[in-house]
Amino acid sequence: MTYDMVALCRAEPDAAALLGALLAAGPDLKLATVEAAGLVQLFDPGDGRLLLTVETTRLVRVPGETERLLGVALDDSFDGRVWWVECRAPDGDPRAAETGRRFTAELVAITGGLTWASR
């Protein structure tokens, strides 16, 4: 199982925003990409365990979609669209969960928006 988090961003997260959020998640972490799947992964530099997987940014234009999928209603400041950035941490690993929370919090601090977590 995984601990899932979503950054619901008002502005499109550009490369600088994503990189800034990844660095805020853990400047000491090892970063790798899975280009074929459009994923970025963060690993513990000591033992090499996977801490976080970040998916490609998606633009959601369907009104009410975040409420249907996550139970989150967006206010008018989102202007009818939201940039969705989903990430997953292995369940039961407190460092992994904290890494994901730092990533999503920093991303919405940069782009505006809000975060959602599976618990």
Protein backbone atom coordinates (compact mmCIF):
# COMPACT_ATOMS: atom_id res chain seq x y z
CA MET A 1 0.00 0.00 0.00
CA THR A 2 0.98 3.60 -0.40
CA TYR A 3 0.39 6.92 1.29
CA ASP A 4 -0.95 9.14 -1.52
CA MET A 5 -0.72 12.93 -1.69
CA VAL A 6 -1.88 15.41 -4.31
CA ALA A 7 -0.86 19.02 -4.84
CA LEU A 8 -3.78 20.88 -6.43
CA CYS A 9 -2.04 23.89 -7.96
CA ARG A 10 -3.61 27.14 -9.19
CA ALA A 11 -0.68 27.92 -11.50
CA GLU A 12 1.08 25.41 -13.71
CA PRO A 13 4.11 24.01 -11.90
CA ASP A 14 7.06 24.72 -14.16
CA ALA A 15 10.42 22.96 -13.94
CA ALA A 16 11.74 25.49 -11.41
CA ALA A 17 8.72 25.01 -9.13
CA LEU A 18 8.98 21.22 -9.29
CA LEU A 19 12.72 21.29 -8.65
CA GLY A 20 12.27 23.70 -5.74
CA ALA A 21 9.64 21.43 -4.20
CA LEU A 22 11.82 18.35 -4.69
CA LEU A 23 14.74 20.10 -2.99
CA ALA A 24 12.47 21.18 -0.12
CA ALA A 25 11.37 17.56 0.28
CA GLY A 26 14.94 16.61 1.11
CA PRO A 27 18.07 18.26 -0.26
CA ASP A 28 20.11 15.20 0.73
CA LEU A 29 17.92 12.71 -1.14
CA LYS A 30 18.99 10.91 -4.30
CA LEU A 31 16.83 11.75 -7.33
CA ALA A 32 16.14 9.43 -10.26
CA THR A 33 13.75 9.57 -13.19
CA VAL A 34 11.73 6.90 -14.96
CA GLU A 35 11.38 8.75 -18.24
CA ALA A 36 9.18 6.20 -20.01
CA ALA A 37 6.57 6.57 -17.25
CA GLY A 38 7.16 10.28 -16.57
CA LEU A 39 8.08 9.68 -12.92
CA VAL A 40 10.57 11.29 -10.56
CA GLN A 41 11.67 9.25 -7.55
CA LEU A 42 13.46 10.25 -4.36
CA PHE A 43 15.60 7.73 -2.47
CA ASP A 44 17.25 7.68 0.94
CA PRO A 45 20.98 8.28 0.31
CA GLY A 46 22.01 5.97 3.13
CA ASP A 47 20.14 2.75 2.52
CA GLY A 48 18.78 3.45 -0.97
CA ARG A 49 15.14 2.84 -0.08
CA LEU A 50 12.45 4.54 -2.15
CA LEU A 51 10.83 7.43 -0.27
CA LEU A 52 8.65 9.16 -2.86
CA THR A 53 7.42 8.78 -6.43
CA VAL A 54 6.09 11.91 -8.16
CA GLU A 55 3.93 11.61 -11.28
CA THR A 56 3.73 13.94 -14.26
CA THR A 57 1.68 17.12 -13.82
CA ARG A 58 -1.84 16.93 -15.25
CA LEU A 59 -4.24 19.75 -16.10
CA VAL A 60 -7.78 19.02 -14.90
CA ARG A 61 -10.40 21.10 -16.70
CA VAL A 62 -13.52 19.12 -15.81
CA PRO A 63 -15.61 21.07 -13.30
CA GLY A 64 -16.19 19.12 -10.10
CA GLU A 65 -13.59 16.45 -10.90
CA THR A 66 -11.50 17.07 -7.78
CA GLU A 67 -14.63 16.87 -5.65
CA ARG A 68 -15.68 13.62 -7.33
CA LEU A 69 -12.25 12.02 -6.98
CA LEU A 70 -10.96 13.46 -3.71
CA GLY A 71 -13.94 15.10 -2.00
CA VAL A 72 -12.25 18.51 -2.43
CA ALA A 73 -14.32 21.41 -3.77
CA LEU A 74 -12.27 24.14 -5.42
CA ASP A 75 -13.15 27.80 -4.95
CA ASP A 76 -13.37 30.41 -7.71
CA SER A 77 -9.67 31.28 -7.36
CA PHE A 78 -8.86 28.17 -9.41
CA ASP A 79 -10.75 29.66 -12.38
CA GLY A 80 -12.30 26.34 -13.39
CA ARG A 81 -9.04 24.42 -13.77
CA VAL A 82 -6.39 22.89 -11.56
CA TRP A 83 -2.94 21.43 -12.05
CA TRP A 84 -2.82 18.02 -10.37
CA VAL A 85 0.53 16.64 -9.14
CA GLU A 86 0.26 13.26 -7.46
CA CYS A 87 2.90 11.54 -5.39
CA ARG A 88 3.11 8.30 -3.45
CA ALA A 89 5.16 7.23 -0.46
CA PRO A 90 5.53 3.66 0.78
CA ASP A 91 3.06 3.03 3.59
CA GLY A 92 4.45 2.61 7.09
CA ASP A 93 7.60 4.69 6.54
CA PRO A 94 7.38 7.96 8.54
CA ARG A 95 10.32 9.52 6.67
CA ALA A 96 8.68 8.76 3.33
CA ALA A 97 5.36 10.29 4.42
CA GLU A 98 7.11 13.41 5.70
CA THR A 99 9.05 13.69 2.43
CA GLY A 100 5.77 13.67 0.50
CA ARG A 101 4.16 16.22 2.82
CA ARG A 102 7.14 18.57 2.42
CA PHE A 103 7.05 18.18 -1.37
CA THR A 104 3.32 18.92 -1.74
CA ALA A 105 3.38 21.77 0.80
CA GLU A 106 6.28 23.49 -0.96
CA LEU A 107 4.73 23.01 -4.40
CA VAL A 108 1.48 24.71 -3.38
CA ALA A 109 3.45 27.42 -1.57
CA ILE A 110 5.08 28.19 -4.93
CA THR A 111 2.05 27.78 -7.23
CA GLY A 112 -0.86 28.50 -4.91
CA GLY A 113 -3.46 25.89 -4.20
CA LEU A 114 -4.01 23.19 -1.64
CA THR A 115 -2.94 19.68 -0.74
CA TRP A 116 -4.83 16.44 -0.20
CA ALA A 117 -3.61 13.25 1.45
CA SER A 118 -5.10 9.77 1.64
CA ARG A 119 -5.11 10.00 5.43
